[in-house]
Amino acid sequence: MAQLKITLKKSLIGRPKDQIATANSLGLTKPGKTTVQPDNVQTQGKITKISHLVEVTEA
């Protein structure tokens, strides 16, 4: 299965609680932190919700 490398590029300060919760569920807690997640429907939905805060590349 393909993997996605997700990096938080912007701060979560002042963001709505649902966006903060989505970032935390991906393991992103502060700017610059990177996680590798499986490329599936659930992960794609989370990325879509916070696409303006993250950078996504193939792992």
C-alpha atoms as a PDB file:
ATOM      1  CA  MET A   1       0.000   0.000   0.000  1.00  0.00           C
ATOM      2  CA  ALA A   2       1.213   3.512  -0.793  1.00  0.00           C
ATOM      3  CA  GLN A   3       2.334   5.786   2.004  1.00  0.00           C
ATOM      4  CA  LEU A   4       1.943   9.570   2.326  1.00  0.00           C
ATOM      5  CA  LYS A   5       4.398  11.867   4.075  1.00  0.00           C
ATOM      6  CA  ILE A   6       2.400  14.656   5.729  1.00  0.00           C
ATOM      7  CA  THR A   7       4.078  17.780   7.161  1.00  0.00           C
ATOM      8  CA  LEU A   8       2.315  20.479   9.188  1.00  0.00           C
ATOM      9  CA  LYS A   9       3.355  23.807   7.628  1.00  0.00           C
ATOM     10  CA  LYS A  10       1.241  26.298   9.596  1.00  0.00           C
ATOM     11  CA  SER A  11       0.453  26.703  13.273  1.00  0.00           C
ATOM     12  CA  LEU A  12      -2.738  25.350  14.807  1.00  0.00           C
ATOM     13  CA  ILE A  13      -3.145  28.413  17.047  1.00  0.00           C
ATOM     14  CA  GLY A  14      -6.503  30.083  16.460  1.00  0.00           C
ATOM     15  CA  ARG A  15      -7.841  27.279  14.262  1.00  0.00           C
ATOM     16  CA  PRO A  16     -11.283  25.725  14.827  1.00  0.00           C
ATOM     17  CA  LYS A  17     -11.338  22.777  17.234  1.00  0.00           C
ATOM     18  CA  ASP A  18     -12.281  20.320  14.491  1.00  0.00           C
ATOM     19  CA  GLN A  19      -9.179  21.237  12.463  1.00  0.00           C
ATOM     20  CA  ILE A  20      -6.947  20.880  15.530  1.00  0.00           C
ATOM     21  CA  ALA A  21      -8.493  17.475  16.284  1.00  0.00           C
ATOM     22  CA  THR A  22      -7.946  16.362  12.682  1.00  0.00           C
ATOM     23  CA  ALA A  23      -4.284  17.397  12.778  1.00  0.00           C
ATOM     24  CA  ASN A  24      -3.812  15.622  16.114  1.00  0.00           C
ATOM     25  CA  SER A  25      -5.401  12.451  14.746  1.00  0.00           C
ATOM     26  CA  LEU A  26      -2.741  12.458  12.023  1.00  0.00           C
ATOM     27  CA  GLY A  27      -0.028  12.871  14.680  1.00  0.00           C
ATOM     28  CA  LEU A  28       0.695  16.510  13.819  1.00  0.00           C
ATOM     29  CA  THR A  29       1.021  18.631  16.938  1.00  0.00           C
ATOM     30  CA  LYS A  30       3.336  21.503  15.988  1.00  0.00           C
ATOM     31  CA  PRO A  31       4.628  23.126  12.790  1.00  0.00           C
ATOM     32  CA  GLY A  32       7.387  21.217  11.050  1.00  0.00           C
ATOM     33  CA  LYS A  33       6.348  17.840  12.412  1.00  0.00           C
ATOM     34  CA  THR A  34       6.080  15.070   9.814  1.00  0.00           C
ATOM     35  CA  THR A  35       4.262  11.738   9.872  1.00  0.00           C
ATOM     36  CA  VAL A  36       3.885   8.881   7.415  1.00  0.00           C
ATOM     37  CA  GLN A  37       0.337   7.630   6.959  1.00  0.00           C
ATOM     38  CA  PRO A  38      -1.238   5.011   4.667  1.00  0.00           C
ATOM     39  CA  ASP A  39      -2.844   6.354   1.501  1.00  0.00           C
ATOM     40  CA  ASN A  40      -6.485   5.399   2.079  1.00  0.00           C
ATOM     41  CA  VAL A  41      -9.892   7.059   2.024  1.00  0.00           C
ATOM     42  CA  GLN A  42      -9.825   8.034   5.696  1.00  0.00           C
ATOM     43  CA  THR A  43      -6.422   9.702   5.444  1.00  0.00           C
ATOM     44  CA  GLN A  44      -7.405  11.492   2.222  1.00  0.00           C
ATOM     45  CA  GLY A  45     -10.490  12.915   3.969  1.00  0.00           C
ATOM     46  CA  LYS A  46      -8.406  14.209   6.877  1.00  0.00           C
ATOM     47  CA  ILE A  47      -5.911  15.788   4.488  1.00  0.00           C
ATOM     48  CA  THR A  48      -8.734  17.471   2.563  1.00  0.00           C
ATOM     49  CA  LYS A  49     -10.083  19.007   5.772  1.00  0.00           C
ATOM     50  CA  ILE A  50      -6.746  20.619   6.678  1.00  0.00           C
ATOM     51  CA  SER A  51      -5.186  20.916   3.202  1.00  0.00           C
ATOM     52  CA  HIS A  52      -4.410  24.614   3.775  1.00  0.00           C
ATOM     53  CA  LEU A  53      -2.208  23.694   6.767  1.00  0.00           C
ATOM     54  CA  VAL A  54      -0.241  20.700   5.458  1.00  0.00           C
ATOM     55  CA  GLU A  55       2.116  19.620   2.697  1.00  0.00           C
ATOM     56  CA  VAL A  56       1.714  16.100   1.330  1.00  0.00           C
ATOM     57  CA  THR A  57       4.251  14.035  -0.632  1.00  0.00           C
ATOM     58  CA  GLU A  58       4.681  10.376  -1.532  1.00  0.00           C
ATOM     59  CA  ALA A  59       6.763   8.521   1.050  1.00  0.00           C
END
